[in-house]
PDB file of N, CA and C in Angstrom:
ATOM      1  N   MET A   1      98.251  87.947   8.122  1.00  0.00           N
ATOM      2  CA  MET A   1      97.199  86.853   8.619  1.00  0.00           C
ATOM      3  C   MET A   1      97.362  86.720  10.296  1.00  0.00           C
ATOM      4  N   LEU A   2      96.557  86.968  11.065  1.00  0.00           N
ATOM      5  CA  LEU A   2      96.597  87.186  12.771  1.00  0.00           C
ATOM      6  C   LEU A   2      96.967  85.913  12.994  1.00  0.00           C
ATOM      7  N   ALA A   3      97.258  85.713  13.602  1.00  0.00           N
ATOM      8  CA  ALA A   3      97.373  84.140  15.048  1.00  0.00           C
ATOM      9  C   ALA A   3      96.391  84.358  15.737  1.00  0.00           C
ATOM     10  N   THR A   4      95.824  83.243  16.352  1.00  0.00           N
ATOM     11  CA  THR A   4      94.642  83.179  17.429  1.00  0.00           C
ATOM     12  C   THR A   4      95.374  81.721  18.243  1.00  0.00           C
ATOM     13  N   HIS A   5      94.768  82.410  19.642  1.00  0.00           N
ATOM     14  CA  HIS A   5      95.482  81.237  20.709  1.00  0.00           C
ATOM     15  C   HIS A   5      94.138  81.446  21.448  1.00  0.00           C
ATOM     16  N   SER A   6      93.847  79.907  21.481  1.00  0.00           N
ATOM     17  CA  SER A   6      92.510  79.628  22.697  1.00  0.00           C
ATOM     18  C   SER A   6      93.669  79.310  23.957  1.00  0.00           C
ATOM     19  N   PRO A   7      92.723  79.455  25.230  1.00  0.00           N
ATOM     20  CA  PRO A   7      93.223  79.099  25.920  1.00  0.00           C
ATOM     21  C   PRO A   7      93.178  77.712  26.441  1.00  0.00           C
ATOM     22  N   SER A   8      94.373  77.068  26.655  1.00  0.00           N
ATOM     23  CA  SER A   8      94.422  75.453  27.538  1.00  0.00           C
ATOM     24  C   SER A   8      93.352  75.474  28.593  1.00  0.00           C
ATOM     25  N   ILE A   9      92.795  74.863  29.275  1.00  0.00           N
ATOM     26  CA  ILE A   9      92.266  74.454  30.609  1.00  0.00           C
ATOM     27  C   ILE A   9      93.090  73.619  31.217  1.00  0.00           C
ATOM     28  N   ASN A  10      93.759  73.799  32.517  1.00  0.00           N
ATOM     29  CA  ASN A  10      94.407  72.933  33.219  1.00  0.00           C
ATOM     30  C   ASN A  10      93.218  72.355  34.205  1.00  0.00           C
ATOM     31  N   TYR A  11      92.932  71.095  33.803  1.00  0.00           N
ATOM     32  CA  TYR A  11      91.927  70.319  34.171  1.00  0.00           C
ATOM     33  C   TYR A  11      92.429  69.847  35.628  1.00  0.00           C
ATOM     34  N   ARG A  12      94.094  69.637  36.212  1.00  0.00           N
ATOM     35  CA  ARG A  12      93.732  69.697  37.517  1.00  0.00           C
ATOM     36  C   ARG A  12      93.605  70.603  38.716  1.00  0.00           C
ATOM     37  N   ASN A  13      93.110  72.140  38.000  1.00  0.00           N
ATOM     38  CA  ASN A  13      92.981  73.197  38.765  1.00  0.00           C
ATOM     39  C   ASN A  13      91.420  72.970  39.464  1.00  0.00           C
ATOM     40  N   LEU A  14      90.370  71.797  38.904  1.00  0.00           N
ATOM     41  CA  LEU A  14      89.194  71.059  38.800  1.00  0.00           C
ATOM     42  C   LEU A  14      89.084  70.496  40.029  1.00  0.00           C
ATOM     43  N   PHE A  15      89.768  69.736  40.134  1.00  0.00           N
ATOM     44  CA  PHE A  15      89.737  68.636  40.846  1.00  0.00           C
ATOM     45  C   PHE A  15      89.152  68.444  42.526  1.00  0.00           C
ATOM     46  N   PRO A  16      89.806  69.549  42.972  1.00  0.00           N
ATOM     47  CA  PRO A  16      89.658  70.505  44.311  1.00  0.00           C
ATOM     48  C   PRO A  16      88.102  70.724  44.376  1.00  0.00           C
ATOM     49  N   LEU A  17      87.582  71.987  42.854  1.00  0.00           N
ATOM     50  CA  LEU A  17      86.290  72.208  42.906  1.00  0.00           C
ATOM     51  C   LEU A  17      85.173  70.990  43.074  1.00  0.00           C
ATOM     52  N   LEU A  18      85.740  70.271  42.605  1.00  0.00           N
ATOM     53  CA  LEU A  18      84.871  68.611  42.007  1.00  0.00           C
ATOM     54  C   LEU A  18      84.625  67.785  43.503  1.00  0.00           C
ATOM     55  N   GLY A  19      85.871  67.765  43.988  1.00  0.00           N
ATOM     56  CA  GLY A  19      85.700  67.275  45.204  1.00  0.00           C
ATOM     57  C   GLY A  19      84.379  67.725  45.949  1.00  0.00           C
ATOM     58  N   ILE A  20      84.914  69.290  46.485  1.00  0.00           N
ATOM     59  CA  ILE A  20      84.154  69.853  47.035  1.00  0.00           C
ATOM     60  C   ILE A  20      82.610  69.800  46.865  1.00  0.00           C
ATOM     61  N   PHE A  21      82.170  69.534  45.377  1.00  0.00           N
ATOM     62  CA  PHE A  21      80.826  69.806  45.156  1.00  0.00           C
ATOM     63  C   PHE A  21      80.349  68.325  45.381  1.00  0.00           C
ATOM     64  N   ALA A  22      81.373  67.192  45.256  1.00  0.00           N
ATOM     65  CA  ALA A  22      80.424  66.073  45.427  1.00  0.00           C
ATOM     66  C   ALA A  22      80.394  65.954  46.962  1.00  0.00           C
ATOM     67  N   LEU A  23      81.507  66.469  47.889  1.00  0.00           N
ATOM     68  CA  LEU A  23      81.009  66.298  49.285  1.00  0.00           C
ATOM     69  C   LEU A  23      79.499  67.119  49.563  1.00  0.00           C
ATOM     70  N   ALA A  24      79.229  68.205  49.141  1.00  0.00           N
ATOM     71  CA  ALA A  24      77.950  68.923  48.985  1.00  0.00           C
ATOM     72  C   ALA A  24      76.927  67.659  48.697  1.00  0.00           C
ATOM     73  N   MET A  25      77.019  67.266  47.443  1.00  0.00           N
ATOM     74  CA  MET A  25      75.911  66.629  47.099  1.00  0.00           C
ATOM     75  C   MET A  25      75.764  65.479  47.925  1.00  0.00           C
ATOM     76  N   ILE A  26      76.890  64.393  48.570  1.00  0.00           N
ATOM     77  CA  ILE A  26      76.627  63.921  49.324  1.00  0.00           C
ATOM     78  C   ILE A  26      75.922  63.863  50.765  1.00  0.00           C
ATOM     79  N   VAL A  27      76.480  64.985  51.292  1.00  0.00           N
ATOM     80  CA  VAL A  27      75.733  66.035  52.513  1.00  0.00           C
ATOM     81  C   VAL A  27      74.501  66.272  52.527  1.00  0.00           C
ATOM     82  N   ALA A  28      73.662  66.641  51.164  1.00  0.00           N
ATOM     83  CA  ALA A  28      72.953  66.422  50.395  1.00  0.00           C
ATOM     84  C   ALA A  28      71.705  65.776  50.796  1.00  0.00           C
ATOM     85  N   ALA A  29      72.403  64.717  50.372  1.00  0.00           N
ATOM     86  CA  ALA A  29      71.424  63.358  50.091  1.00  0.00           C
ATOM     87  C   ALA A  29      71.471  62.873  51.424  1.00  0.00           C
ATOM     88  N   MET A  30      71.936  63.139  52.087  1.00  0.00           N
ATOM     89  CA  MET A  30      72.137  62.446  53.940  1.00  0.00           C
ATOM     90  C   MET A  30      70.979  63.056  54.161  1.00  0.00           C
ATOM     91  N   LEU A  31      71.159  64.403  54.254  1.00  0.00           N
ATOM     92  CA  LEU A  31      70.101  65.089  55.029  1.00  0.00           C
ATOM     93  C   LEU A  31      68.711  64.641  54.283  1.00  0.00           C
ATOM     94  N   CYS A  32      68.304  64.444  53.209  1.00  0.00           N
ATOM     95  CA  CYS A  32      67.452  64.350  52.498  1.00  0.00           C
ATOM     96  C   CYS A  32      66.598  62.943  52.259  1.00  0.00           C
ATOM     97  N   THR A  33      67.444  62.172  52.853  1.00  0.00           N
ATOM     98  CA  THR A  33      67.362  60.642  53.297  1.00  0.00           C
ATOM     99  C   THR A  33      66.869  60.447  54.833  1.00  0.00           C
ATOM    100  N   ASP A  34      67.099  62.075  55.317  1.00  0.00           N
ATOM    101  CA  ASP A  34      66.762  61.815  57.251  1.00  0.00           C
ATOM    102  C   ASP A  34      65.619  62.110  57.094  1.00  0.00           C
ATOM    103  N   ILE A  35      64.454  62.690  56.269  1.00  0.00           N
ATOM    104  CA  ILE A  35      63.300  63.072  56.081  1.00  0.00           C
ATOM    105  C   ILE A  35      62.554  62.291  55.143  1.00  0.00           C
ATOM    106  N   THR A  36      63.209  61.850  54.410  1.00  0.00           N
ATOM    107  CA  THR A  36      61.981  60.882  53.205  1.00  0.00           C
ATOM    108  C   THR A  36      62.169  59.036  53.634  1.00  0.00           C
ATOM    109  N   HIS A  37      63.117  58.964  54.809  1.00  0.00           N
ATOM    110  CA  HIS A  37      63.040  57.701  55.128  1.00  0.00           C
ATOM    111  C   HIS A  37      61.830  57.190  56.128  1.00  0.00           C
ATOM    112  N   VAL A  38      61.334  58.399  56.397  1.00  0.00           N
ATOM    113  CA  VAL A  38      59.977  58.623  57.481  1.00  0.00           C
ATOM    114  C   VAL A  38      58.441  57.912  56.247  1.00  0.00           C
ATOM    115  N   VAL A  39      58.628  56.629  56.213  1.00  0.00           N
ATOM    116  CA  VAL A  39      57.583  55.776  55.806  1.00  0.00           C
ATOM    117  C   VAL A  39      57.403  55.001  57.065  1.00  0.00           C
ATOM    118  N   VAL A  40      55.880  54.666  56.348  1.00  0.00           N
ATOM    119  CA  VAL A  40      55.340  54.055  57.895  1.00  0.00           C
ATOM    120  C   VAL A  40      55.141  52.714  57.113  1.00  0.00           C
ATOM    121  N   ASN A  41      55.893  51.838  57.936  1.00  0.00           N
ATOM    122  CA  ASN A  41      55.562  50.170  57.528  1.00  0.00           C
ATOM    123  C   ASN A  41      54.614  49.532  57.930  1.00  0.00           C
ATOM    124  N   GLY A  42      53.679  49.682  58.848  1.00  0.00           N
ATOM    125  CA  GLY A  42      53.290  48.626  59.056  1.00  0.00           C
ATOM    126  C   GLY A  42      52.241  49.134  60.286  1.00  0.00           C
ATOM    127  N   ARG A  43      51.246  48.569  61.074  1.00  0.00           N
ATOM    128  CA  ARG A  43      50.482  48.435  62.046  1.00  0.00           C
ATOM    129  C   ARG A  43      51.380  49.011  63.719  1.00  0.00           C
ATOM    130  N   SER A  44      51.117  49.126  64.398  1.00  0.00           N
ATOM    131  CA  SER A  44      51.618  49.554  65.569  1.00  0.00           C
ATOM    132  C   SER A  44      50.143  49.321  67.437  1.00  0.00           C
ATOM    133  N   HIS A  45      50.839  49.465  68.078  1.00  0.00           N
ATOM    134  CA  HIS A  45      50.004  49.473  69.308  1.00  0.00           C
ATOM    135  C   HIS A  45      49.365  50.765  69.026  1.00  0.00           C
ATOM    136  N   ALA A  46      49.894  51.827  68.174  1.00  0.00           N
ATOM    137  CA  ALA A  46      48.776  52.922  67.901  1.00  0.00           C
ATOM    138  C   ALA A  46      47.423  52.609  67.511  1.00  0.00           C
ATOM    139  N   VAL A  47      46.980  51.437  67.004  1.00  0.00           N
ATOM    140  CA  VAL A  47      45.739  51.176  66.663  1.00  0.00           C
ATOM    141  C   VAL A  47      45.072  50.724  67.653  1.00  0.00           C
ATOM    142  N   GLU A  48      45.462  49.812  68.742  1.00  0.00           N
ATOM    143  CA  GLU A  48      45.303  48.900  69.894  1.00  0.00           C
ATOM    144  C   GLU A  48      45.165  49.649  70.821  1.00  0.00           C
ATOM    145  N   ARG A  49      46.208  51.105  71.225  1.00  0.00           N
ATOM    146  CA  ARG A  49      45.454  52.039  72.119  1.00  0.00           C
ATOM    147  C   ARG A  49      44.649  53.193  71.513  1.00  0.00           C
ATOM    148  N   HIS A  50      44.953  53.815  70.167  1.00  0.00           N
ATOM    149  CA  HIS A  50      43.851  54.700  69.857  1.00  0.00           C
ATOM    150  C   HIS A  50      42.892  54.647  69.143  1.00  0.00           C
ATOM    151  N   GLY A  51      42.726  53.369  68.558  1.00  0.00           N
ATOM    152  CA  GLY A  51      41.489  53.031  67.414  1.00  0.00           C
ATOM    153  C   GLY A  51      41.529  53.680  66.660  1.00  0.00           C
ATOM    154  N   MET A  52      40.192  54.405  66.240  1.00  0.00           N
ATOM    155  CA  MET A  52      39.865  55.259  65.326  1.00  0.00           C
ATOM    156  C   MET A  52      40.950  56.299  64.680  1.00  0.00           C
ATOM    157  N   ILE A  53      41.312  56.810  66.425  1.00  0.00           N
ATOM    158  CA  ILE A  53      42.274  58.218  66.175  1.00  0.00           C
ATOM    159  C   ILE A  53      43.274  57.788  64.950  1.00  0.00           C
ATOM    160  N   ALA A  54      43.927  56.333  65.313  1.00  0.00           N
ATOM    161  CA  ALA A  54      45.196  56.041  65.035  1.00  0.00           C
ATOM    162  C   ALA A  54      44.903  55.990  63.046  1.00  0.00           C
ATOM    163  N   GLU A  55      43.849  55.291  63.308  1.00  0.00           N
ATOM    164  CA  GLU A  55      43.403  54.865  61.612  1.00  0.00           C
ATOM    165  C   GLU A  55      43.174  55.997  61.393  1.00  0.00           C
ATOM    166  N   MET A  56      42.472  57.251  61.717  1.00  0.00           N
ATOM    167  CA  MET A  56      41.883  58.721  60.691  1.00  0.00           C
ATOM    168  C   MET A  56      43.593  59.505  61.103  1.00  0.00           C
ATOM    169  N   THR A  57      44.294  59.146  61.846  1.00  0.00           N
ATOM    170  CA  THR A  57      45.980  60.276  61.584  1.00  0.00           C
ATOM    171  C   THR A  57      46.271  59.236  60.358  1.00  0.00           C
ATOM    172  N   ARG A  58      46.384  58.138  60.240  1.00  0.00           N
ATOM    173  CA  ARG A  58      46.927  57.698  59.082  1.00  0.00           C
ATOM    174  C   ARG A  58      46.469  57.527  57.762  1.00  0.00           C
ATOM    175  N   ASN A  59      44.994  57.584  57.476  1.00  0.00           N
ATOM    176  CA  ASN A  59      44.563  58.129  56.579  1.00  0.00           C
ATOM    177  C   ASN A  59      44.732  59.723  55.893  1.00  0.00           C
ATOM    178  N   CYS A  60      44.858  60.200  57.141  1.00  0.00           N
ATOM    179  CA  CYS A  60      44.640  62.173  56.700  1.00  0.00           C
ATOM    180  C   CYS A  60      46.466  62.080  55.922  1.00  0.00           C
ATOM    181  N   LEU A  61      47.908  61.647  56.941  1.00  0.00           N
ATOM    182  CA  LEU A  61      48.554  61.376  56.447  1.00  0.00           C
ATOM    183  C   LEU A  61      49.082  60.623  54.899  1.00  0.00           C
ATOM    184  N   ASP A  62      47.928  59.769  54.690  1.00  0.00           N
ATOM    185  CA  ASP A  62      48.374  59.270  53.368  1.00  0.00           C
ATOM    186  C   ASP A  62      47.910  60.021  52.132  1.00  0.00           C
ATOM    187  N   SER A  63      46.359  60.216  52.410  1.00  0.00           N
ATOM    188  CA  SER A  63      45.807  61.285  52.068  1.00  0.00           C
ATOM    189  C   SER A  63      46.574  62.658  51.480  1.00  0.00           C
ATOM    190  N   ASN A  64      47.142  63.122  52.221  1.00  0.00           N
ATOM    191  CA  ASN A  64      47.559  64.875  52.451  1.00  0.00           C
ATOM    192  C   ASN A  64      48.823  64.821  52.376  1.00  0.00           C
ATOM    193  N   GLY A  65      49.598  63.980  52.755  1.00  0.00           N
ATOM    194  CA  GLY A  65      51.070  64.160  53.151  1.00  0.00           C
ATOM    195  C   GLY A  65      51.070  65.034  54.649  1.00  0.00           C
ATOM    196  N   PRO A  66      52.065  65.109  55.344  1.00  0.00           N
ATOM    197  CA  PRO A  66      52.271  65.470  56.659  1.00  0.00           C
ATOM    198  C   PRO A  66      51.979  67.232  56.155  1.00  0.00           C
ATOM    199  N   VAL A  67      51.790  68.245  56.897  1.00  0.00           N
ATOM    200  CA  VAL A  67      51.720  69.940  57.029  1.00  0.00           C
ATOM    201  C   VAL A  67      52.986  70.321  57.527  1.00  0.00           C
ATOM    202  N   GLN A  68      53.933  69.048  58.613  1.00  0.00           N
ATOM    203  CA  GLN A  68      55.101  69.572  59.011  1.00  0.00           C
ATOM    204  C   GLN A  68      55.556  68.268  59.519  1.00  0.00           C
ATOM    205  N   VAL A  69      56.854  68.382  59.424  1.00  0.00           N
ATOM    206  CA  VAL A  69      57.619  67.421  60.281  1.00  0.00           C
ATOM    207  C   VAL A  69      58.700  67.464  61.128  1.00  0.00           C
ATOM    208  N   TRP A  70      58.718  67.443  61.865  1.00  0.00           N
ATOM    209  CA  TRP A  70      59.452  67.656  63.458  1.00  0.00           C
ATOM    210  C   TRP A  70      60.478  66.293  63.494  1.00  0.00           C
ATOM    211  N   LYS A  71      61.466  66.526  64.130  1.00  0.00           N
ATOM    212  CA  LYS A  71      62.381  65.323  64.642  1.00  0.00           C
ATOM    213  C   LYS A  71      62.594  65.878  66.643  1.00  0.00           C
ATOM    214  N   ASN A  72      62.844  64.405  66.939  1.00  0.00           N
ATOM    215  CA  ASN A  72      63.331  64.966  68.590  1.00  0.00           C
ATOM    216  C   ASN A  72      65.037  63.903  68.277  1.00  0.00           C
ATOM    217  N   TYR A  73      65.729  64.784  68.261  1.00  0.00           N
ATOM    218  CA  TYR A  73      67.200  64.222  68.330  1.00  0.00           C
ATOM    219  C   TYR A  73      67.721  63.587  69.373  1.00  0.00           C
ATOM    220  N   ASP A  74      66.761  63.458  70.485  1.00  0.00           N
ATOM    221  CA  ASP A  74      66.922  62.619  71.618  1.00  0.00           C
ATOM    222  C   ASP A  74      66.366  61.128  71.306  1.00  0.00           C
ATOM    223  N   THR A  75      65.738  60.994  71.094  1.00  0.00           N
ATOM    224  CA  THR A  75      65.217  59.483  70.786  1.00  0.00           C
ATOM    225  C   THR A  75      65.120  59.117  69.157  1.00  0.00           C
ATOM    226  N   ASN A  76      65.288  60.140  68.698  1.00  0.00           N
ATOM    227  CA  ASN A  76      65.730  59.839  67.000  1.00  0.00           C
ATOM    228  C   ASN A  76      64.613  58.876  66.304  1.00  0.00           C
ATOM    229  N   ARG A  77      63.458  59.741  67.137  1.00  0.00           N
ATOM    230  CA  ARG A  77      61.864  59.825  66.399  1.00  0.00           C
ATOM    231  C   ARG A  77      61.279  60.762  65.552  1.00  0.00           C
ATOM    232  N   TYR A  78      60.536  60.658  64.563  1.00  0.00           N
ATOM    233  CA  TYR A  78      59.667  62.140  64.004  1.00  0.00           C
ATOM    234  C   TYR A  78      58.609  62.257  64.226  1.00  0.00           C
ATOM    235  N   PHE A  79      57.709  63.379  64.173  1.00  0.00           N
ATOM    236  CA  PHE A  79      56.758  63.423  64.718  1.00  0.00           C
ATOM    237  C   PHE A  79      55.729  64.360  63.240  1.00  0.00           C
ATOM    238  N   ARG A  80      55.389  63.835  62.667  1.00  0.00           N
ATOM    239  CA  ARG A  80      54.620  64.073  61.094  1.00  0.00           C
ATOM    240  C   ARG A  80      53.113  64.793  61.693  1.00  0.00           C
ATOM    241  N   VAL A  81      52.881  66.012  61.243  1.00  0.00           N
ATOM    242  CA  VAL A  81      51.727  66.761  61.663  1.00  0.00           C
ATOM    243  C   VAL A  81      50.580  66.193  60.359  1.00  0.00           C
ATOM    244  N   CYS A  82      49.486  66.438  60.939  1.00  0.00           N
ATOM    245  CA  CYS A  82      48.322  66.426  59.901  1.00  0.00           C
ATOM    246  C   CYS A  82      47.213  67.207  60.406  1.00  0.00           C
ATOM    247  N   MET A  83      46.156  67.432  59.299  1.00  0.00           N
ATOM    248  CA  MET A  83      45.103  68.496  59.922  1.00  0.00           C
ATOM    249  C   MET A  83      44.190  67.779  59.126  1.00  0.00           C
ATOM    250  N   PHE A  84      43.051  67.501  60.376  1.00  0.00           N
ATOM    251  CA  PHE A  84      41.830  66.533  60.069  1.00  0.00           C
ATOM    252  C   PHE A  84      40.954  67.367  59.769  1.00  0.00           C
ATOM    253  N   ASP A  85      40.750  68.772  59.897  1.00  0.00           N
ATOM    254  CA  ASP A  85      40.064  70.071  60.057  1.00  0.00           C
ATOM    255  C   ASP A  85      40.236  71.297  59.987  1.00  0.00           C
ATOM    256  N   MET A  86      39.602  72.509  60.025  1.00  0.00           N
ATOM    257  CA  MET A  86      40.287  73.338  60.549  1.00  0.00           C
ATOM    258  C   MET A  86      40.765  73.668  62.070  1.00  0.00           C
ATOM    259  N   PHE A  87      39.938  72.811  62.984  1.00  0.00           N
ATOM    260  CA  PHE A  87      39.801  72.560  64.281  1.00  0.00           C
ATOM    261  C   PHE A  87      40.201  71.915  64.952  1.00  0.00           C
ATOM    262  N   SER A  88      41.030  70.722  64.408  1.00  0.00           N
ATOM    263  CA  SER A  88      41.358  69.520  65.060  1.00  0.00           C
ATOM    264  C   SER A  88      42.612  68.930  64.105  1.00  0.00           C
ATOM    265  N   TRP A  89      43.778  69.052  64.750  1.00  0.00           N
ATOM    266  CA  TRP A  89      45.006  68.705  64.533  1.00  0.00           C
ATOM    267  C   TRP A  89      45.571  67.435  64.875  1.00  0.00           C
ATOM    268  N   GLY A  90      46.452  66.742  64.372  1.00  0.00           N
ATOM    269  CA  GLY A  90      46.812  65.820  64.996  1.00  0.00           C
ATOM    270  C   GLY A  90      48.387  65.073  64.737  1.00  0.00           C
ATOM    271  N   GLY A  91      48.830  63.807  64.651  1.00  0.00           N
ATOM    272  CA  GLY A  91      49.859  63.565  64.170  1.00  0.00           C
ATOM    273  C   GLY A  91      50.344  62.342  64.747  1.00  0.00           C
ATOM    274  N   GLN A  92      51.811  61.625  63.844  1.00  0.00           N
ATOM    275  CA  GLN A  92      51.816  60.310  64.543  1.00  0.00           C
ATOM    276  C   GLN A  92      53.460  60.649  64.568  1.00  0.00           C
ATOM    277  N   VAL A  93      53.957  59.658  65.589  1.00  0.00           N
ATOM    278  CA  VAL A  93      55.436  59.548  65.714  1.00  0.00           C
ATOM    279  C   VAL A  93      55.677  58.188  65.149  1.00  0.00           C
ATOM    280  N   VAL A  94      56.922  58.482  64.269  1.00  0.00           N
ATOM    281  CA  VAL A  94      57.399  57.727  63.560  1.00  0.00           C
ATOM    282  C   VAL A  94      58.779  57.331  64.432  1.00  0.00           C
ATOM    283  N   ASN A  95      59.572  56.060  64.403  1.00  0.00           N
ATOM    284  CA  ASN A  95      60.789  56.075  64.294  1.00  0.00           C
ATOM    285  C   ASN A  95      61.572  56.178  62.905  1.00  0.00           C
ATOM    286  N   ARG A  96      63.050  55.824  62.989  1.00  0.00           N
ATOM    287  CA  ARG A  96      64.242  56.045  61.877  1.00  0.00           C
ATOM    288  C   ARG A  96      63.630  55.107  61.097  1.00  0.00           C
ATOM    289  N   LYS A  97      63.276  53.928  60.875  1.00  0.00           N
ATOM    290  CA  LYS A  97      63.061  52.781  60.044  1.00  0.00           C
ATOM    291  C   LYS A  97      61.381  53.026  59.545  1.00  0.00           C
ATOM    292  N   GLY A  98      60.963  54.450  60.131  1.00  0.00           N
ATOM    293  CA  GLY A  98      59.517  54.575  59.194  1.00  0.00           C
ATOM    294  C   GLY A  98      58.284  53.672  60.538  1.00  0.00           C
ATOM    295  N   GLU A  99      58.629  52.583  61.509  1.00  0.00           N
ATOM    296  CA  GLU A  99      57.500  52.094  62.135  1.00  0.00           C
ATOM    297  C   GLU A  99      56.774  53.385  62.920  1.00  0.00           C
ATOM    298  N   GLU A 100      55.641  52.908  63.014  1.00  0.00           N
ATOM    299  CA  GLU A 100      54.823  53.975  63.711  1.00  0.00           C
ATOM    300  C   GLU A 100      54.778  53.787  65.059  1.00  0.00           C
ATOM    301  N   ILE A 101      54.943  54.573  65.771  1.00  0.00           N
ATOM    302  CA  ILE A 101      55.428  54.631  67.296  1.00  0.00           C
ATOM    303  C   ILE A 101      53.945  54.431  68.376  1.00  0.00           C
ATOM    304  N   THR A 102      53.241  55.840  68.420  1.00  0.00           N
ATOM    305  CA  THR A 102      51.750  55.988  68.432  1.00  0.00           C
ATOM    306  C   THR A 102      51.240  57.249  67.570  1.00  0.00           C
ATOM    307  N   VAL A 103      50.426  57.905  68.191  1.00  0.00           N
ATOM    308  CA  VAL A 103      49.343  59.002  67.468  1.00  0.00           C
ATOM    309  C   VAL A 103      49.197  60.212  68.447  1.00  0.00           C
ATOM    310  N   VAL A 104      49.061  61.256  67.746  1.00  0.00           N
ATOM    311  CA  VAL A 104      48.481  62.191  68.839  1.00  0.00           C
ATOM    312  C   VAL A 104      47.739  62.855  68.679  1.00  0.00           C
ATOM    313  N   ALA A 105      46.400  62.966  69.023  1.00  0.00           N
ATOM    314  CA  ALA A 105      45.596  63.787  68.615  1.00  0.00           C
ATOM    315  C   ALA A 105      44.091  63.905  70.012  1.00  0.00           C
ATOM    316  N   PRO A 106      42.978  64.740  69.422  1.00  0.00           N
ATOM    317  CA  PRO A 106      43.142  65.876  68.648  1.00  0.00           C
ATOM    318  C   PRO A 106      43.673  67.143  69.719  1.00  0.00           C
ATOM    319  N   TYR A 107      44.160  68.298  68.699  1.00  0.00           N
ATOM    320  CA  TYR A 107      44.753  68.997  69.244  1.00  0.00           C
ATOM    321  C   TYR A 107      43.456  70.800  68.336  1.00  0.00           C
ATOM    322  N   PRO A 108      43.183  71.369  69.412  1.00  0.00           N
ATOM    323  CA  PRO A 108      42.571  72.240  68.277  1.00  0.00           C
ATOM    324  C   PRO A 108      42.983  73.615  67.405  1.00  0.00           C
ATOM    325  N   SER A 109      44.489  73.160  66.822  1.00  0.00           N
ATOM    326  CA  SER A 109      45.421  74.384  66.346  1.00  0.00           C
ATOM    327  C   SER A 109      47.221  74.098  66.356  1.00  0.00           C
ATOM    328  N   LEU A 110      47.341  74.123  65.292  1.00  0.00           N
ATOM    329  CA  LEU A 110      48.701  74.110  64.670  1.00  0.00           C
ATOM    330  C   LEU A 110      49.815  74.525  65.542  1.00  0.00           C
ATOM    331  N   GLN A 111      49.116  75.624  66.227  1.00  0.00           N
ATOM    332  CA  GLN A 111      50.106  76.324  67.528  1.00  0.00           C
ATOM    333  C   GLN A 111      49.994  75.628  68.446  1.00  0.00           C
ATOM    334  N   ALA A 112      48.906  74.952  69.457  1.00  0.00           N
ATOM    335  CA  ALA A 112      48.908  74.175  70.196  1.00  0.00           C
ATOM    336  C   ALA A 112      49.945  73.083  69.832  1.00  0.00           C
ATOM    337  N   ILE A 113      49.844  72.365  69.083  1.00  0.00           N
ATOM    338  CA  ILE A 113      50.920  71.352  68.501  1.00  0.00           C
ATOM    339  C   ILE A 113      51.776  71.544  68.603  1.00  0.00           C
ATOM    340  N   GLU A 114      52.606  72.364  67.925  1.00  0.00           N
ATOM    341  CA  GLU A 114      53.818  72.742  68.051  1.00  0.00           C
ATOM    342  C   GLU A 114      54.221  73.099  69.349  1.00  0.00           C
ATOM    343  N   ALA A 115      53.574  74.060  70.402  1.00  0.00           N
ATOM    344  CA  ALA A 115      53.640  73.882  71.675  1.00  0.00           C
ATOM    345  C   ALA A 115      54.122  72.358  72.448  1.00  0.00           C
ATOM    346  N   TYR A 116      53.277  72.161  71.976  1.00  0.00           N
ATOM    347  CA  TYR A 116      53.583  70.679  72.980  1.00  0.00           C
ATOM    348  C   TYR A 116      55.155  70.004  72.468  1.00  0.00           C
ATOM    349  N   LEU A 117      55.330  70.018  70.928  1.00  0.00           N
ATOM    350  CA  LEU A 117      56.342  69.611  70.230  1.00  0.00           C
ATOM    351  C   LEU A 117      57.788  69.917  70.914  1.00  0.00           C
ATOM    352  N   GLU A 118      57.497  71.140  70.940  1.00  0.00           N
ATOM    353  CA  GLU A 118      58.616  72.162  71.538  1.00  0.00           C
ATOM    354  C   GLU A 118      58.923  71.898  72.813  1.00  0.00           C
ATOM    355  N   ARG A 119      57.710  71.335  73.444  1.00  0.00           N
ATOM    356  CA  ARG A 119      57.776  71.614  75.415  1.00  0.00           C
ATOM    357  C   ARG A 119      58.380  69.860  75.240  1.00  0.00           C
ATOM    358  N   VAL A 120      57.972  68.375  74.460  1.00  0.00           N
ATOM    359  CA  VAL A 120      59.051  67.780  74.556  1.00  0.00           C
ATOM    360  C   VAL A 120      59.474  67.443  74.003  1.00  0.00           C
ATOM    361  N   GLY A 121      60.793  67.986  73.507  1.00  0.00           N
ATOM    362  CA  GLY A 121      61.749  68.238  72.777  1.00  0.00           C
ATOM    363  C   GLY A 121      62.462  68.076  71.215  1.00  0.00           C
ATOM    364  N   TYR A 122      61.110  68.163  70.209  1.00  0.00           N
ATOM    365  CA  TYR A 122      61.013  68.098  69.276  1.00  0.00           C
ATOM    366  C   TYR A 122      61.227  69.578  68.414  1.00  0.00           C
ATOM    367  N   VAL A 123      61.808  69.564  67.205  1.00  0.00           N
ATOM    368  CA  VAL A 123      62.367  70.525  66.434  1.00  0.00           C
ATOM    369  C   VAL A 123      61.980  69.971  65.096  1.00  0.00           C
ATOM    370  N   LEU A 124      61.654  71.679  64.268  1.00  0.00           N
ATOM    371  CA  LEU A 124      61.330  71.426  63.086  1.00  0.00           C
ATOM    372  C   LEU A 124      62.324  71.452  62.104  1.00  0.00           C
ATOM    373  N   LEU A 125      61.448  70.275  60.976  1.00  0.00           N
ATOM    374  CA  LEU A 125      62.522  70.291  59.949  1.00  0.00           C
ATOM    375  C   LEU A 125      61.953  70.748  58.850  1.00  0.00           C
ATOM    376  N   GLN A 126      60.842  70.680  58.510  1.00  0.00           N
ATOM    377  CA  GLN A 126      59.553  71.292  57.578  1.00  0.00           C
ATOM    378  C   GLN A 126      58.840  72.000  57.657  1.00  0.00           C
TER     379      GLN A 126
END
């Protein structure tokens, strides 16, 4: 009769790998939270100052979601780009809490709004 030997697993060797995996998951969750916390909590001066454009921008984002999300690391604000139609683009600036700061519209193309965002210090997140 042939004796079989099954190798034993030393679980202590797995603890460093589990620690690295847990750290990676925490970092990934923090990065996702950075984007997903951009939720509009209510009204701001945008409606008072921009009126119908603010409502149109909000409705566009509520219906279709943002086409792109940009972040300005200096101000810790986000810019959510929306497409009204093929020739009209705009967006909404929100703070880290998700409170609407203002709206920017209209722009004739995505490239035009991207150029504006880069010029004022925003970085594309998605």
